[in-house]
Amino acid sequence: MFMRSQYTINKDFKYMKGYRDRHGKLCTLVKETEKTFMVDKSPLEIIDDSIVRIGYNLKGAMETSKRLLGNIYHHPVLVCPIQRIVLFPTQSAKHEECIWFNPNHIKRTTSHKRQTFITFSNGKTKIIRAKLCSFNSKLQIAEQLENMTRENRVS
């Protein structure tokens, strides 16, 4: 699989997950609507690099999310206010098995053997180890953050 040194999250981004390479370095598997590739950075580095490109940083995005959404676990982050890209984690962002999803590409979620079956905008699917109600709650919170930041920007 092709390894990139850099990546900026864009409107085609569906999800990403961290993986250790053969040397033990944390890299990232990125899935876009039409492409799959590895990036020689951790998921948090990719998110931070993408946010820095538009003038702020991951720490600030997380603080904004906490202020707007209150005391919840696993805050989503607004990565690009121009393209309205919000990402949400399946678990703690520091956990290596965390998967970051873009809610814009999630078209349907269903329960499958106590896991979540996700159908994406391009018709592809993925099963993750998470209860449907937990995953859907995180999806709704991410959509809520996107709505709140859109409303604040217009006001």
N, C-alpha and C. Protein backbone atom coordinates (compact mmCIF):
# COMPACT_ATOMS: atom_id res chain seq x y z
N MET A 1 0.84 -1.18 0.00
CA MET A 1 0.00 0.00 0.00
C MET A 1 0.88 1.24 0.00
N PHE A 2 0.43 2.25 -0.69
CA PHE A 2 1.16 3.50 -0.83
C PHE A 2 1.24 4.26 0.50
N MET A 3 2.44 4.76 0.84
CA MET A 3 2.65 5.53 2.08
C MET A 3 2.92 6.99 1.72
N ARG A 4 2.09 7.89 2.22
CA ARG A 4 2.29 9.32 2.04
C ARG A 4 3.00 9.89 3.26
N SER A 5 3.76 10.96 3.06
CA SER A 5 4.40 11.61 4.20
C SER A 5 3.50 12.66 4.82
N GLN A 6 2.56 13.22 4.05
CA GLN A 6 1.66 14.26 4.52
C GLN A 6 0.24 13.96 4.05
N TYR A 7 -0.74 14.51 4.76
CA TYR A 7 -2.13 14.40 4.32
C TYR A 7 -2.94 15.49 4.99
N THR A 8 -3.81 16.11 4.21
CA THR A 8 -4.74 17.11 4.74
C THR A 8 -6.16 16.56 4.58
N ILE A 9 -6.89 16.55 5.66
CA ILE A 9 -8.27 16.06 5.65
C ILE A 9 -9.10 16.95 4.72
N ASN A 10 -9.89 16.30 3.86
CA ASN A 10 -10.68 17.03 2.87
C ASN A 10 -12.09 16.45 2.81
N LYS A 11 -12.92 16.96 1.92
CA LYS A 11 -14.33 16.55 1.83
C LYS A 11 -14.51 15.08 1.46
N ASP A 12 -13.50 14.42 0.88
CA ASP A 12 -13.59 13.00 0.52
C ASP A 12 -13.22 12.06 1.67
N PHE A 13 -12.72 12.61 2.77
CA PHE A 13 -12.29 11.81 3.91
C PHE A 13 -13.49 11.11 4.55
N LYS A 14 -13.38 9.77 4.73
CA LYS A 14 -14.44 9.00 5.39
C LYS A 14 -14.04 8.66 6.82
N TYR A 15 -12.86 8.01 6.99
CA TYR A 15 -12.39 7.67 8.32
C TYR A 15 -10.91 7.34 8.29
N MET A 16 -10.31 7.29 9.49
CA MET A 16 -8.90 6.89 9.62
C MET A 16 -8.70 6.16 10.93
N LYS A 17 -7.66 5.34 10.92
CA LYS A 17 -7.33 4.50 12.07
C LYS A 17 -5.82 4.37 12.17
N GLY A 18 -5.29 4.42 13.38
CA GLY A 18 -3.86 4.27 13.58
C GLY A 18 -3.41 2.82 13.45
N TYR A 19 -2.21 2.65 12.93
CA TYR A 19 -1.56 1.34 12.80
C TYR A 19 -0.07 1.50 13.09
N ARG A 20 0.50 0.47 13.67
CA ARG A 20 1.95 0.46 13.89
C ARG A 20 2.63 -0.14 12.66
N ASP A 21 3.68 0.53 12.18
CA ASP A 21 4.43 -0.04 11.05
C ASP A 21 5.39 -1.11 11.57
N ARG A 22 6.18 -1.69 10.72
CA ARG A 22 7.07 -2.79 11.12
C ARG A 22 8.16 -2.37 12.10
N HIS A 23 8.36 -1.04 12.24
CA HIS A 23 9.33 -0.52 13.20
C HIS A 23 8.67 -0.05 14.49
N GLY A 24 7.37 -0.21 14.58
CA GLY A 24 6.64 0.18 15.78
C GLY A 24 6.17 1.62 15.79
N LYS A 25 6.37 2.35 14.70
CA LYS A 25 5.95 3.76 14.62
C LYS A 25 4.45 3.81 14.31
N LEU A 26 3.74 4.72 14.99
CA LEU A 26 2.31 4.88 14.75
C LEU A 26 2.08 5.65 13.46
N CYS A 27 1.43 4.99 12.51
CA CYS A 27 1.05 5.58 11.22
C CYS A 27 -0.46 5.53 11.13
N THR A 28 -1.02 5.95 10.01
CA THR A 28 -2.47 6.02 9.88
C THR A 28 -2.94 5.45 8.56
N LEU A 29 -3.99 4.63 8.64
CA LEU A 29 -4.69 4.16 7.45
C LEU A 29 -5.83 5.14 7.20
N VAL A 30 -5.85 5.76 6.02
CA VAL A 30 -6.88 6.73 5.67
C VAL A 30 -7.76 6.15 4.57
N LYS A 31 -9.07 6.28 4.77
CA LYS A 31 -10.04 5.86 3.77
C LYS A 31 -10.78 7.10 3.27
N GLU A 32 -10.67 7.35 1.99
CA GLU A 32 -11.47 8.38 1.34
C GLU A 32 -12.54 7.68 0.52
N THR A 33 -13.40 8.44 -0.14
CA THR A 33 -14.48 7.82 -0.90
C THR A 33 -13.96 6.92 -2.01
N GLU A 34 -12.85 7.27 -2.63
CA GLU A 34 -12.33 6.48 -3.74
C GLU A 34 -10.91 5.95 -3.52
N LYS A 35 -10.26 6.29 -2.42
CA LYS A 35 -8.86 5.90 -2.20
C LYS A 35 -8.65 5.38 -0.78
N THR A 36 -7.65 4.50 -0.66
CA THR A 36 -7.17 4.03 0.63
C THR A 36 -5.66 4.10 0.61
N PHE A 37 -5.06 4.66 1.66
CA PHE A 37 -3.61 4.78 1.71
C PHE A 37 -3.14 4.95 3.14
N MET A 38 -1.84 4.82 3.34
CA MET A 38 -1.21 5.00 4.65
C MET A 38 -0.54 6.38 4.68
N VAL A 39 -0.50 6.97 5.87
CA VAL A 39 0.19 8.24 6.08
C VAL A 39 1.19 8.03 7.21
N ASP A 40 2.39 8.53 7.01
CA ASP A 40 3.48 8.35 7.97
C ASP A 40 3.37 9.34 9.14
N LYS A 41 2.16 9.45 9.70
CA LYS A 41 1.89 10.28 10.86
C LYS A 41 0.78 9.62 11.65
N SER A 42 0.66 10.00 12.92
CA SER A 42 -0.43 9.47 13.74
C SER A 42 -1.73 10.19 13.36
N PRO A 43 -2.90 9.60 13.72
CA PRO A 43 -4.16 10.29 13.44
C PRO A 43 -4.23 11.70 14.05
N LEU A 44 -3.75 11.87 15.28
CA LEU A 44 -3.80 13.19 15.90
C LEU A 44 -2.88 14.19 15.20
N GLU A 45 -1.75 13.72 14.68
CA GLU A 45 -0.87 14.60 13.91
C GLU A 45 -1.55 15.05 12.62
N ILE A 46 -2.26 14.12 11.97
CA ILE A 46 -2.97 14.48 10.74
C ILE A 46 -4.06 15.51 11.03
N ILE A 47 -4.81 15.30 12.10
CA ILE A 47 -5.86 16.25 12.46
C ILE A 47 -5.25 17.62 12.77
N ASP A 48 -4.20 17.64 13.59
CA ASP A 48 -3.57 18.91 13.93
C ASP A 48 -3.01 19.61 12.70
N ASP A 49 -2.32 18.86 11.82
CA ASP A 49 -1.77 19.45 10.59
C ASP A 49 -2.88 20.04 9.72
N SER A 50 -4.01 19.35 9.65
CA SER A 50 -5.14 19.84 8.83
C SER A 50 -5.74 21.10 9.42
N ILE A 51 -5.85 21.16 10.74
CA ILE A 51 -6.42 22.34 11.40
C ILE A 51 -5.46 23.52 11.32
N VAL A 52 -4.17 23.27 11.48
CA VAL A 52 -3.17 24.34 11.44
C VAL A 52 -3.18 25.04 10.08
N ARG A 53 -3.48 24.32 9.02
CA ARG A 53 -3.51 24.90 7.68
C ARG A 53 -4.54 26.02 7.54
N ILE A 54 -5.56 26.02 8.40
CA ILE A 54 -6.56 27.09 8.30
C ILE A 54 -6.45 28.10 9.45
N GLY A 55 -5.38 28.01 10.23
CA GLY A 55 -5.09 29.08 11.18
C GLY A 55 -5.35 28.83 12.64
N TYR A 56 -5.68 27.62 13.04
CA TYR A 56 -5.76 27.34 14.47
C TYR A 56 -5.21 25.95 14.73
N ASN A 57 -5.40 25.35 15.91
CA ASN A 57 -4.76 24.08 16.20
C ASN A 57 -5.72 23.10 16.89
N LEU A 58 -5.26 21.87 17.04
CA LEU A 58 -6.08 20.82 17.62
C LEU A 58 -6.47 21.15 19.05
N LYS A 59 -5.56 21.69 19.81
CA LYS A 59 -5.87 22.04 21.21
C LYS A 59 -7.02 23.04 21.26
N GLY A 60 -6.96 24.07 20.43
CA GLY A 60 -8.02 25.06 20.39
C GLY A 60 -9.34 24.48 19.91
N ALA A 61 -9.28 23.58 18.92
CA ALA A 61 -10.50 22.94 18.41
C ALA A 61 -11.15 22.08 19.49
N MET A 62 -10.33 21.38 20.28
CA MET A 62 -10.87 20.55 21.36
C MET A 62 -11.45 21.41 22.48
N GLU A 63 -10.79 22.53 22.79
CA GLU A 63 -11.32 23.44 23.82
C GLU A 63 -12.65 24.03 23.37
N THR A 64 -12.77 24.40 22.11
CA THR A 64 -14.03 24.93 21.58
C THR A 64 -15.13 23.89 21.67
N SER A 65 -14.81 22.66 21.30
CA SER A 65 -15.78 21.57 21.36
C SER A 65 -16.25 21.36 22.80
N LYS A 66 -15.33 21.38 23.75
CA LYS A 66 -15.70 21.20 25.16
C LYS A 66 -16.58 22.34 25.65
N ARG A 67 -16.26 23.56 25.25
CA ARG A 67 -17.08 24.72 25.66
C ARG A 67 -18.49 24.64 25.11
N LEU A 68 -18.61 24.27 23.84
CA LEU A 68 -19.92 24.23 23.21
C LEU A 68 -20.76 23.04 23.63
N LEU A 69 -20.12 21.88 23.81
CA LEU A 69 -20.87 20.65 24.07
C LEU A 69 -20.94 20.26 25.54
N GLY A 70 -20.11 20.88 26.37
CA GLY A 70 -20.14 20.57 27.79
C GLY A 70 -19.34 19.35 28.15
N ASN A 71 -19.68 18.77 29.28
CA ASN A 71 -18.92 17.68 29.88
C ASN A 71 -19.34 16.33 29.29
N ILE A 72 -18.77 15.99 28.15
CA ILE A 72 -19.02 14.69 27.51
C ILE A 72 -17.69 14.00 27.27
N TYR A 73 -17.75 12.72 26.98
CA TYR A 73 -16.54 11.98 26.64
C TYR A 73 -16.33 11.99 25.13
N HIS A 74 -15.10 11.95 24.72
CA HIS A 74 -14.73 11.78 23.31
C HIS A 74 -15.31 12.88 22.43
N HIS A 75 -14.88 14.10 22.68
CA HIS A 75 -15.37 15.26 21.94
C HIS A 75 -15.03 15.17 20.45
N PRO A 76 -15.99 15.55 19.61
CA PRO A 76 -15.68 15.70 18.19
C PRO A 76 -14.90 16.99 18.00
N VAL A 77 -14.26 17.15 16.85
CA VAL A 77 -13.53 18.39 16.56
C VAL A 77 -13.90 18.91 15.18
N LEU A 78 -13.99 20.23 15.09
CA LEU A 78 -14.21 20.89 13.81
C LEU A 78 -12.85 21.03 13.14
N VAL A 79 -12.66 20.32 12.05
CA VAL A 79 -11.37 20.31 11.36
C VAL A 79 -11.30 21.42 10.31
N CYS A 80 -12.41 21.64 9.62
CA CYS A 80 -12.42 22.67 8.58
C CYS A 80 -13.79 23.37 8.55
N PRO A 81 -13.87 24.59 9.09
CA PRO A 81 -15.15 25.29 9.10
C PRO A 81 -15.63 25.68 7.70
N ILE A 82 -14.73 25.84 6.78
CA ILE A 82 -15.10 26.23 5.41
C ILE A 82 -15.83 25.09 4.70
N GLN A 83 -15.28 23.88 4.80
CA GLN A 83 -15.91 22.72 4.17
C GLN A 83 -16.86 22.00 5.12
N ARG A 84 -17.02 22.51 6.33
CA ARG A 84 -17.92 21.93 7.35
C ARG A 84 -17.53 20.50 7.70
N ILE A 85 -16.26 20.25 7.90
CA ILE A 85 -15.78 18.91 8.24
C ILE A 85 -15.57 18.81 9.75
N VAL A 86 -16.33 17.93 10.36
CA VAL A 86 -16.21 17.61 11.78
C VAL A 86 -15.84 16.13 11.86
N LEU A 87 -14.93 15.78 12.74
CA LEU A 87 -14.57 14.38 12.95
C LEU A 87 -14.92 14.00 14.38
N PHE A 88 -15.29 12.72 14.56
CA PHE A 88 -15.53 12.24 15.92
C PHE A 88 -14.80 10.92 16.13
N PRO A 89 -14.29 10.73 17.36
CA PRO A 89 -13.56 9.50 17.68
C PRO A 89 -14.49 8.43 18.24
N THR A 90 -14.15 7.17 18.02
CA THR A 90 -14.93 6.07 18.58
C THR A 90 -14.61 5.84 20.04
N GLN A 91 -13.46 6.30 20.48
CA GLN A 91 -13.04 6.18 21.88
C GLN A 91 -12.03 7.26 22.15
N SER A 92 -11.32 7.19 23.26
CA SER A 92 -10.35 8.22 23.59
C SER A 92 -9.39 8.43 22.42
N ALA A 93 -9.15 9.69 22.09
CA ALA A 93 -8.26 10.02 20.97
C ALA A 93 -6.85 9.50 21.18
N LYS A 94 -6.48 9.25 22.42
CA LYS A 94 -5.13 8.74 22.72
C LYS A 94 -5.04 7.22 22.60
N HIS A 95 -6.17 6.56 22.49
CA HIS A 95 -6.19 5.10 22.39
C HIS A 95 -5.83 4.69 20.97
N GLU A 96 -4.93 3.73 20.82
CA GLU A 96 -4.45 3.33 19.50
C GLU A 96 -5.53 2.73 18.61
N GLU A 97 -6.59 2.18 19.18
CA GLU A 97 -7.64 1.58 18.37
C GLU A 97 -8.74 2.57 18.01
N CYS A 98 -8.55 3.83 18.36
CA CYS A 98 -9.54 4.86 18.04
C CYS A 98 -9.65 5.03 16.52
N ILE A 99 -10.88 5.12 16.05
CA ILE A 99 -11.16 5.41 14.65
C ILE A 99 -11.85 6.77 14.60
N TRP A 100 -11.40 7.63 13.69
CA TRP A 100 -11.98 8.95 13.51
C TRP A 100 -12.87 8.93 12.27
N PHE A 101 -14.13 9.32 12.44
CA PHE A 101 -15.10 9.29 11.35
C PHE A 101 -15.55 10.70 10.96
N ASN A 102 -15.88 10.85 9.69
CA ASN A 102 -16.49 12.06 9.16
C ASN A 102 -17.98 11.76 9.00
N PRO A 103 -18.85 12.39 9.81
CA PRO A 103 -20.28 12.08 9.74
C PRO A 103 -20.92 12.40 8.39
N ASN A 104 -20.30 13.27 7.60
CA ASN A 104 -20.85 13.62 6.29
C ASN A 104 -20.95 12.42 5.35
N HIS A 105 -20.14 11.39 5.58
CA HIS A 105 -20.14 10.23 4.69
C HIS A 105 -20.88 9.03 5.28
N ILE A 106 -21.40 9.15 6.48
CA ILE A 106 -22.14 8.04 7.09
C ILE A 106 -23.61 8.18 6.70
N LYS A 107 -24.09 7.21 5.94
CA LYS A 107 -25.47 7.28 5.45
C LYS A 107 -26.42 6.42 6.27
N ARG A 108 -25.91 5.36 6.88
CA ARG A 108 -26.79 4.48 7.66
C ARG A 108 -25.96 3.69 8.67
N THR A 109 -26.55 3.45 9.83
CA THR A 109 -25.91 2.58 10.82
C THR A 109 -26.96 1.57 11.29
N THR A 110 -26.52 0.32 11.45
CA THR A 110 -27.40 -0.72 11.96
C THR A 110 -26.61 -1.61 12.91
N SER A 111 -27.34 -2.34 13.71
CA SER A 111 -26.72 -3.26 14.65
C SER A 111 -26.46 -4.60 13.96
N HIS A 112 -25.29 -5.16 14.21
CA HIS A 112 -24.93 -6.45 13.64
C HIS A 112 -24.14 -7.23 14.69
N LYS A 113 -24.76 -8.22 15.31
CA LYS A 113 -24.10 -9.05 16.33
C LYS A 113 -23.42 -8.21 17.40
N ARG A 114 -24.17 -7.26 17.97
CA ARG A 114 -23.71 -6.37 19.04
C ARG A 114 -22.56 -5.47 18.60
N GLN A 115 -22.44 -5.25 17.32
CA GLN A 115 -21.47 -4.32 16.77
C GLN A 115 -22.23 -3.33 15.89
N THR A 116 -21.51 -2.36 15.34
CA THR A 116 -22.15 -1.37 14.48
C THR A 116 -21.73 -1.58 13.04
N PHE A 117 -22.71 -1.70 12.18
CA PHE A 117 -22.53 -1.86 10.75
C PHE A 117 -22.79 -0.49 10.12
N ILE A 118 -21.76 0.07 9.45
CA ILE A 118 -21.83 1.42 8.90
C ILE A 118 -21.87 1.35 7.38
N THR A 119 -22.81 2.07 6.78
CA THR A 119 -22.86 2.21 5.33
C THR A 119 -22.48 3.65 4.99
N PHE A 120 -21.52 3.78 4.07
CA PHE A 120 -21.01 5.09 3.70
C PHE A 120 -21.67 5.62 2.43
N SER A 121 -21.41 6.88 2.14
CA SER A 121 -22.00 7.56 0.98
C SER A 121 -21.64 6.91 -0.35
N ASN A 122 -20.50 6.22 -0.41
CA ASN A 122 -20.09 5.57 -1.65
C ASN A 122 -20.56 4.11 -1.72
N GLY A 123 -21.39 3.70 -0.78
CA GLY A 123 -21.92 2.33 -0.77
C GLY A 123 -21.05 1.32 -0.05
N LYS A 124 -19.83 1.68 0.32
CA LYS A 124 -18.94 0.79 1.07
C LYS A 124 -19.44 0.66 2.49
N THR A 125 -19.02 -0.43 3.15
CA THR A 125 -19.46 -0.68 4.52
C THR A 125 -18.28 -1.00 5.43
N LYS A 126 -18.52 -0.89 6.72
CA LYS A 126 -17.52 -1.22 7.73
C LYS A 126 -18.25 -1.65 9.00
N ILE A 127 -17.70 -2.67 9.66
CA ILE A 127 -18.22 -3.10 10.96
C ILE A 127 -17.18 -2.73 12.01
N ILE A 128 -17.65 -2.09 13.09
CA ILE A 128 -16.73 -1.74 14.17
C ILE A 128 -17.24 -2.33 15.48
N ARG A 129 -16.30 -2.54 16.40
CA ARG A 129 -16.65 -3.05 17.74
C ARG A 129 -17.15 -1.91 18.60
N ALA A 130 -18.43 -1.62 18.46
CA ALA A 130 -19.08 -0.59 19.28
C ALA A 130 -20.57 -0.87 19.23
N LYS A 131 -21.24 -0.61 20.34
CA LYS A 131 -22.69 -0.76 20.34
C LYS A 131 -23.30 0.34 19.49
N LEU A 132 -24.37 -0.01 18.81
CA LEU A 132 -25.03 0.93 17.91
C LEU A 132 -25.44 2.21 18.63
N CYS A 133 -26.02 2.10 19.81
CA CYS A 133 -26.49 3.30 20.52
C CYS A 133 -25.32 4.21 20.89
N SER A 134 -24.20 3.65 21.26
CA SER A 134 -23.02 4.44 21.60
C SER A 134 -22.47 5.16 20.36
N PHE A 135 -22.35 4.43 19.26
CA PHE A 135 -21.84 5.02 18.02
C PHE A 135 -22.78 6.12 17.53
N ASN A 136 -24.08 5.85 17.53
CA ASN A 136 -25.05 6.84 17.05
C ASN A 136 -25.07 8.09 17.92
N SER A 137 -24.84 7.92 19.21
CA SER A 137 -24.76 9.07 20.11
C SER A 137 -23.58 9.96 19.72
N LYS A 138 -22.43 9.37 19.45
CA LYS A 138 -21.25 10.13 19.04
C LYS A 138 -21.47 10.80 17.70
N LEU A 139 -22.14 10.11 16.79
CA LEU A 139 -22.48 10.67 15.48
C LEU A 139 -23.39 11.90 15.64
N GLN A 140 -24.40 11.79 16.48
CA GLN A 140 -25.32 12.91 16.71
C GLN A 140 -24.62 14.10 17.35
N ILE A 141 -23.71 13.84 18.28
CA ILE A 141 -22.98 14.92 18.94
C ILE A 141 -22.09 15.64 17.93
N ALA A 142 -21.46 14.90 17.03
CA ALA A 142 -20.63 15.51 15.98
C ALA A 142 -21.49 16.39 15.07
N GLU A 143 -22.66 15.89 14.70
CA GLU A 143 -23.56 16.69 13.87
C GLU A 143 -24.04 17.93 14.63
N GLN A 144 -24.25 17.80 15.93
CA GLN A 144 -24.65 18.93 16.76
C GLN A 144 -23.55 19.99 16.77
N LEU A 145 -22.29 19.57 16.91
CA LEU A 145 -21.17 20.52 16.89
C LEU A 145 -21.12 21.26 15.56
N GLU A 146 -21.31 20.55 14.47
CA GLU A 146 -21.30 21.18 13.15
C GLU A 146 -22.41 22.23 13.07
N ASN A 147 -23.60 21.88 13.54
CA ASN A 147 -24.73 22.82 13.52
C ASN A 147 -24.47 24.03 14.41
N MET A 148 -23.92 23.81 15.59
CA MET A 148 -23.66 24.91 16.52
C MET A 148 -22.62 25.87 15.95
N THR A 149 -21.58 25.35 15.33
CA THR A 149 -20.53 26.23 14.80
C THR A 149 -21.01 26.95 13.55
N ARG A 150 -21.89 26.34 12.79
CA ARG A 150 -22.47 27.01 11.63
C ARG A 150 -23.34 28.17 12.09
N GLU A 151 -24.15 27.94 13.10
CA GLU A 151 -25.02 29.00 13.63
C GLU A 151 -24.21 30.13 14.24
N ASN A 152 -23.14 29.82 14.94
CA ASN A 152 -22.30 30.85 15.55
C ASN A 152 -21.58 31.67 14.50
N ARG A 153 -21.20 31.04 13.39
CA ARG A 153 -20.47 31.74 12.34
C ARG A 153 -21.38 32.74 11.63
N VAL A 154 -22.63 32.39 11.45
CA VAL A 154 -23.57 33.25 10.73
C VAL A 154 -24.02 34.42 11.61
N SER A 155 -24.18 34.19 12.89
CA SER A 155 -24.70 35.22 13.81
C SER A 155 -23.79 36.41 13.91
